[in-house]
C-alpha atoms as a PDB file:
ATOM      1  CA  UNK A   1       7.017  -9.831   3.278  1.00  0.00           C
ATOM      2  CA  UNK A   2       8.858 -12.139   6.184  1.00  0.00           C
ATOM      3  CA  UNK A   3       9.770 -15.727   4.930  1.00  0.00           C
ATOM      4  CA  UNK A   4       8.518 -18.586   7.363  1.00  0.00           C
ATOM      5  CA  UNK A   5      10.703 -21.267   8.525  1.00  0.00           C
ATOM      6  CA  UNK A   6       9.681 -23.224   5.888  1.00  0.00           C
ATOM      7  CA  UNK A   7       8.640 -21.864   2.359  1.00  0.00           C
ATOM      8  CA  UNK A   8       8.579 -22.327  -1.404  1.00  0.00           C
ATOM      9  CA  UNK A   9       8.489 -19.671  -3.935  1.00  0.00           C
ATOM     10  CA  UNK A  10       7.154 -21.342  -6.570  1.00  0.00           C
ATOM     11  CA  UNK A  11       3.440 -21.695  -6.814  1.00  0.00           C
ATOM     12  CA  UNK A  12       1.338 -24.249  -8.948  1.00  0.00           C
ATOM     13  CA  UNK A  13       3.042 -27.155 -10.407  1.00  0.00           C
ATOM     14  CA  UNK A  14       6.641 -27.144 -10.814  1.00  0.00           C
ATOM     15  CA  UNK A  15       8.242 -25.832 -14.149  1.00  0.00           C
ATOM     16  CA  UNK A  16      11.501 -26.255 -15.655  1.00  0.00           C
ATOM     17  CA  UNK A  17      12.456 -22.384 -14.781  1.00  0.00           C
ATOM     18  CA  UNK A  18      11.036 -22.821 -11.245  1.00  0.00           C
ATOM     19  CA  UNK A  19      12.686 -21.962  -8.231  1.00  0.00           C
ATOM     20  CA  UNK A  20      12.136 -23.777  -5.060  1.00  0.00           C
ATOM     21  CA  UNK A  21      13.658 -22.456  -1.818  1.00  0.00           C
ATOM     22  CA  UNK A  22      13.242 -24.023   1.583  1.00  0.00           C
ATOM     23  CA  UNK A  23      14.497 -22.060   5.148  1.00  0.00           C
ATOM     24  CA  UNK A  24      14.924 -24.555   8.020  1.00  0.00           C
ATOM     25  CA  UNK A  25      16.660 -23.703  11.353  1.00  0.00           C
ATOM     26  CA  UNK A  26      18.934 -26.783  12.063  1.00  0.00           C
ATOM     27  CA  UNK A  27      20.561 -26.307  15.485  1.00  0.00           C
ATOM     28  CA  UNK A  28      22.015 -23.051  15.574  1.00  0.00           C
ATOM     29  CA  UNK A  29      22.475 -22.839  11.399  1.00  0.00           C
ATOM     30  CA  UNK A  30      19.837 -21.701   9.256  1.00  0.00           C
ATOM     31  CA  UNK A  31      19.677 -24.094   6.080  1.00  0.00           C
ATOM     32  CA  UNK A  32      18.507 -22.520   2.964  1.00  0.00           C
ATOM     33  CA  UNK A  33      17.952 -25.044   0.404  1.00  0.00           C
ATOM     34  CA  UNK A  34      17.560 -24.130  -3.137  1.00  0.00           C
ATOM     35  CA  UNK A  35      16.080 -26.325  -6.315  1.00  0.00           C
ATOM     36  CA  UNK A  36      15.594 -25.479 -10.037  1.00  0.00           C
ATOM     37  CA  UNK A  37      17.086 -22.918 -11.973  1.00  0.00           C
ATOM     38  CA  UNK A  38      19.163 -19.654 -10.248  1.00  0.00           C
ATOM     39  CA  UNK A  39      19.277 -17.134 -12.534  1.00  0.00           C
ATOM     40  CA  UNK A  40      18.082 -13.461 -13.493  1.00  0.00           C
ATOM     41  CA  UNK A  41      14.230 -14.343 -13.290  1.00  0.00           C
ATOM     42  CA  UNK A  42      14.418 -15.142 -10.088  1.00  0.00           C
ATOM     43  CA  UNK A  43      17.671 -13.601  -8.497  1.00  0.00           C
ATOM     44  CA  UNK A  44      15.271 -11.355  -6.074  1.00  0.00           C
ATOM     45  CA  UNK A  45      13.867 -14.590  -4.913  1.00  0.00           C
ATOM     46  CA  UNK A  46      17.691 -15.672  -4.026  1.00  0.00           C
ATOM     47  CA  UNK A  47      18.572 -12.521  -2.570  1.00  0.00           C
ATOM     48  CA  UNK A  48      15.486 -12.238  -0.542  1.00  0.00           C
ATOM     49  CA  UNK A  49      16.041 -16.123   1.034  1.00  0.00           C
ATOM     50  CA  UNK A  50      19.416 -15.488   1.701  1.00  0.00           C
ATOM     51  CA  UNK A  51      18.803 -12.067   3.529  1.00  0.00           C
ATOM     52  CA  UNK A  52      16.186 -13.571   5.383  1.00  0.00           C
ATOM     53  CA  UNK A  53      18.516 -16.278   6.856  1.00  0.00           C
ATOM     54  CA  UNK A  54      21.008 -13.686   7.684  1.00  0.00           C
ATOM     55  CA  UNK A  55      18.552 -11.650   9.256  1.00  0.00           C
ATOM     56  CA  UNK A  56      17.822 -14.363  11.994  1.00  0.00           C
ATOM     57  CA  UNK A  57      21.934 -14.118  13.074  1.00  0.00           C
ATOM     58  CA  UNK A  58      22.415 -18.146  13.233  1.00  0.00           C
ATOM     59  CA  UNK A  59      26.134 -19.082  13.742  1.00  0.00           C
ATOM     60  CA  UNK A  60      26.354 -19.980   9.960  1.00  0.00           C
ATOM     61  CA  UNK A  61      24.102 -20.146   6.714  1.00  0.00           C
ATOM     62  CA  UNK A  62      24.322 -23.374   4.932  1.00  0.00           C
ATOM     63  CA  UNK A  63      23.161 -23.096   1.454  1.00  0.00           C
ATOM     64  CA  UNK A  64      22.411 -26.446   0.091  1.00  0.00           C
ATOM     65  CA  UNK A  65      22.452 -26.776  -3.859  1.00  0.00           C
ATOM     66  CA  UNK A  66      22.296 -30.298  -4.705  1.00  0.00           C
ATOM     67  CA  UNK A  67      19.011 -30.028  -6.552  1.00  0.00           C
ATOM     68  CA  UNK A  68      20.259 -26.834  -8.844  1.00  0.00           C
ATOM     69  CA  UNK A  69      19.773 -27.390 -12.396  1.00  0.00           C
ATOM     70  CA  UNK A  70      21.168 -23.748 -13.743  1.00  0.00           C
ATOM     71  CA  UNK A  71      23.257 -21.209 -11.776  1.00  0.00           C
ATOM     72  CA  UNK A  72      24.053 -18.385 -13.476  1.00  0.00           C
ATOM     73  CA  UNK A  73      26.158 -15.157 -12.470  1.00  0.00           C
ATOM     74  CA  UNK A  74      22.764 -13.881 -10.809  1.00  0.00           C
ATOM     75  CA  UNK A  75      22.932 -16.309  -8.565  1.00  0.00           C
ATOM     76  CA  UNK A  76      26.803 -16.025  -8.087  1.00  0.00           C
ATOM     77  CA  UNK A  77      26.160 -12.327  -7.371  1.00  0.00           C
ATOM     78  CA  UNK A  78      23.174 -13.102  -4.843  1.00  0.00           C
ATOM     79  CA  UNK A  79      25.877 -15.422  -3.120  1.00  0.00           C
ATOM     80  CA  UNK A  80      28.531 -12.901  -2.960  1.00  0.00           C
ATOM     81  CA  UNK A  81      26.358 -10.391  -1.549  1.00  0.00           C
ATOM     82  CA  UNK A  82      25.094 -12.458   1.128  1.00  0.00           C
ATOM     83  CA  UNK A  83      28.667 -13.113   1.957  1.00  0.00           C
ATOM     84  CA  UNK A  84      29.600  -9.567   2.483  1.00  0.00           C
ATOM     85  CA  UNK A  85      26.654  -9.265   4.553  1.00  0.00           C
ATOM     86  CA  UNK A  86      27.484 -12.413   6.979  1.00  0.00           C
ATOM     87  CA  UNK A  87      31.010 -11.041   6.968  1.00  0.00           C
ATOM     88  CA  UNK A  88      29.845  -7.995   8.638  1.00  0.00           C
ATOM     89  CA  UNK A  89      27.991  -9.848  11.158  1.00  0.00           C
ATOM     90  CA  UNK A  90      30.492 -12.834  11.766  1.00  0.00           C
ATOM     91  CA  UNK A  91      28.068 -15.275  10.061  1.00  0.00           C
ATOM     92  CA  UNK A  92      29.777 -17.472   7.444  1.00  0.00           C
ATOM     93  CA  UNK A  93      27.802 -18.738   4.302  1.00  0.00           C
ATOM     94  CA  UNK A  94      28.639 -22.250   3.764  1.00  0.00           C
ATOM     95  CA  UNK A  95      27.785 -24.065   0.436  1.00  0.00           C
ATOM     96  CA  UNK A  96      26.912 -27.799   0.815  1.00  0.00           C
ATOM     97  CA  UNK A  97      26.107 -30.389  -1.780  1.00  0.00           C
ATOM     98  CA  UNK A  98      26.495 -28.398  -4.880  1.00  0.00           C
ATOM     99  CA  UNK A  99      25.116 -29.898  -7.975  1.00  0.00           C
ATOM    100  CA  UNK A 100      27.645 -30.450 -10.609  1.00  0.00           C
ATOM    101  CA  UNK A 101      26.481 -27.413 -12.591  1.00  0.00           C
ATOM    102  CA  UNK A 102      26.954 -25.234  -9.402  1.00  0.00           C
ATOM    103  CA  UNK A 103      30.553 -27.024  -8.846  1.00  0.00           C
ATOM    104  CA  UNK A 104      31.518 -25.985 -12.443  1.00  0.00           C
ATOM    105  CA  UNK A 105      30.378 -22.336 -11.983  1.00  0.00           C
ATOM    106  CA  UNK A 106      32.525 -22.293  -8.639  1.00  0.00           C
ATOM    107  CA  UNK A 107      35.648 -23.649 -10.554  1.00  0.00           C
ATOM    108  CA  UNK A 108      35.110 -21.275 -13.475  1.00  0.00           C
ATOM    109  CA  UNK A 109      34.802 -18.141 -11.305  1.00  0.00           C
ATOM    110  CA  UNK A 110      37.640 -19.453  -8.728  1.00  0.00           C
ATOM    111  CA  UNK A 111      34.840 -18.696  -5.996  1.00  0.00           C
ATOM    112  CA  UNK A 112      35.223 -22.136  -5.196  1.00  0.00           C
ATOM    113  CA  UNK A 113      38.152 -20.247  -2.945  1.00  0.00           C
ATOM    114  CA  UNK A 114      35.783 -18.099  -1.380  1.00  0.00           C
ATOM    115  CA  UNK A 115      32.891 -20.510  -0.416  1.00  0.00           C
ATOM    116  CA  UNK A 116      33.616 -23.117   2.250  1.00  0.00           C
ATOM    117  CA  UNK A 117      32.294 -25.959   0.379  1.00  0.00           C
ATOM    118  CA  UNK A 118      30.995 -29.595   1.697  1.00  0.00           C
ATOM    119  CA  UNK A 119      30.051 -32.729  -0.267  1.00  0.00           C
ATOM    120  CA  UNK A 120      27.170 -33.042   2.405  1.00  0.00           C
ATOM    121  CA  UNK A 121      24.664 -31.204   4.109  1.00  0.00           C
ATOM    122  CA  UNK A 122      25.941 -32.960   7.359  1.00  0.00           C
ATOM    123  CA  UNK A 123      29.539 -31.811   7.054  1.00  0.00           C
ATOM    124  CA  UNK A 124      28.572 -28.245   6.158  1.00  0.00           C
ATOM    125  CA  UNK A 125      26.498 -28.004   9.506  1.00  0.00           C
ATOM    126  CA  UNK A 126      29.642 -28.752  11.415  1.00  0.00           C
ATOM    127  CA  UNK A 127      31.418 -25.918   9.819  1.00  0.00           C
ATOM    128  CA  UNK A 128      32.705 -23.494  12.693  1.00  0.00           C
ATOM    129  CA  UNK A 129      30.262 -20.864  13.121  1.00  0.00           C
ATOM    130  CA  UNK A 130      30.766 -17.083  13.699  1.00  0.00           C
ATOM    131  CA  UNK A 131      32.205 -15.743  16.905  1.00  0.00           C
ATOM    132  CA  UNK A 132      29.371 -13.263  17.050  1.00  0.00           C
ATOM    133  CA  UNK A 133      31.686 -10.387  16.392  1.00  0.00           C
ATOM    134  CA  UNK A 134      31.069  -8.116  13.040  1.00  0.00           C
ATOM    135  CA  UNK A 135      34.572  -8.197  11.039  1.00  0.00           C
ATOM    136  CA  UNK A 136      34.905  -5.993   8.016  1.00  0.00           C
ATOM    137  CA  UNK A 137      33.747  -7.078   4.710  1.00  0.00           C
ATOM    138  CA  UNK A 138      36.140  -7.654   2.122  1.00  0.00           C
END
């Protein structure tokens, strides 16, 4: 199933375990905004959204995380998989406005050193884009 430019993965009224995702093209970027709980139960939706964003071959994918209440290893794994896929196409994955829980997980796992992370969406959108050349994934 292709994901439209604006979409949400939750049906019905929001609950504590809902995942809400919106993809929005902004200039030469795709902003992938997540809200709610990013955990094992909705890991497939996280991977699907990031994959769809990368499939559009933007200059960068900005993952906006300000409304994330739970961020587990499943979500981290999805980000790392997307990073690897992005590297192969010269598309950086950039994190924007991570919530305190996301910041804590990034620090604990030391992935704060792997992902360019910006305090605001506007700053993340200014991150240098890929040069369009594929590089070897690390």
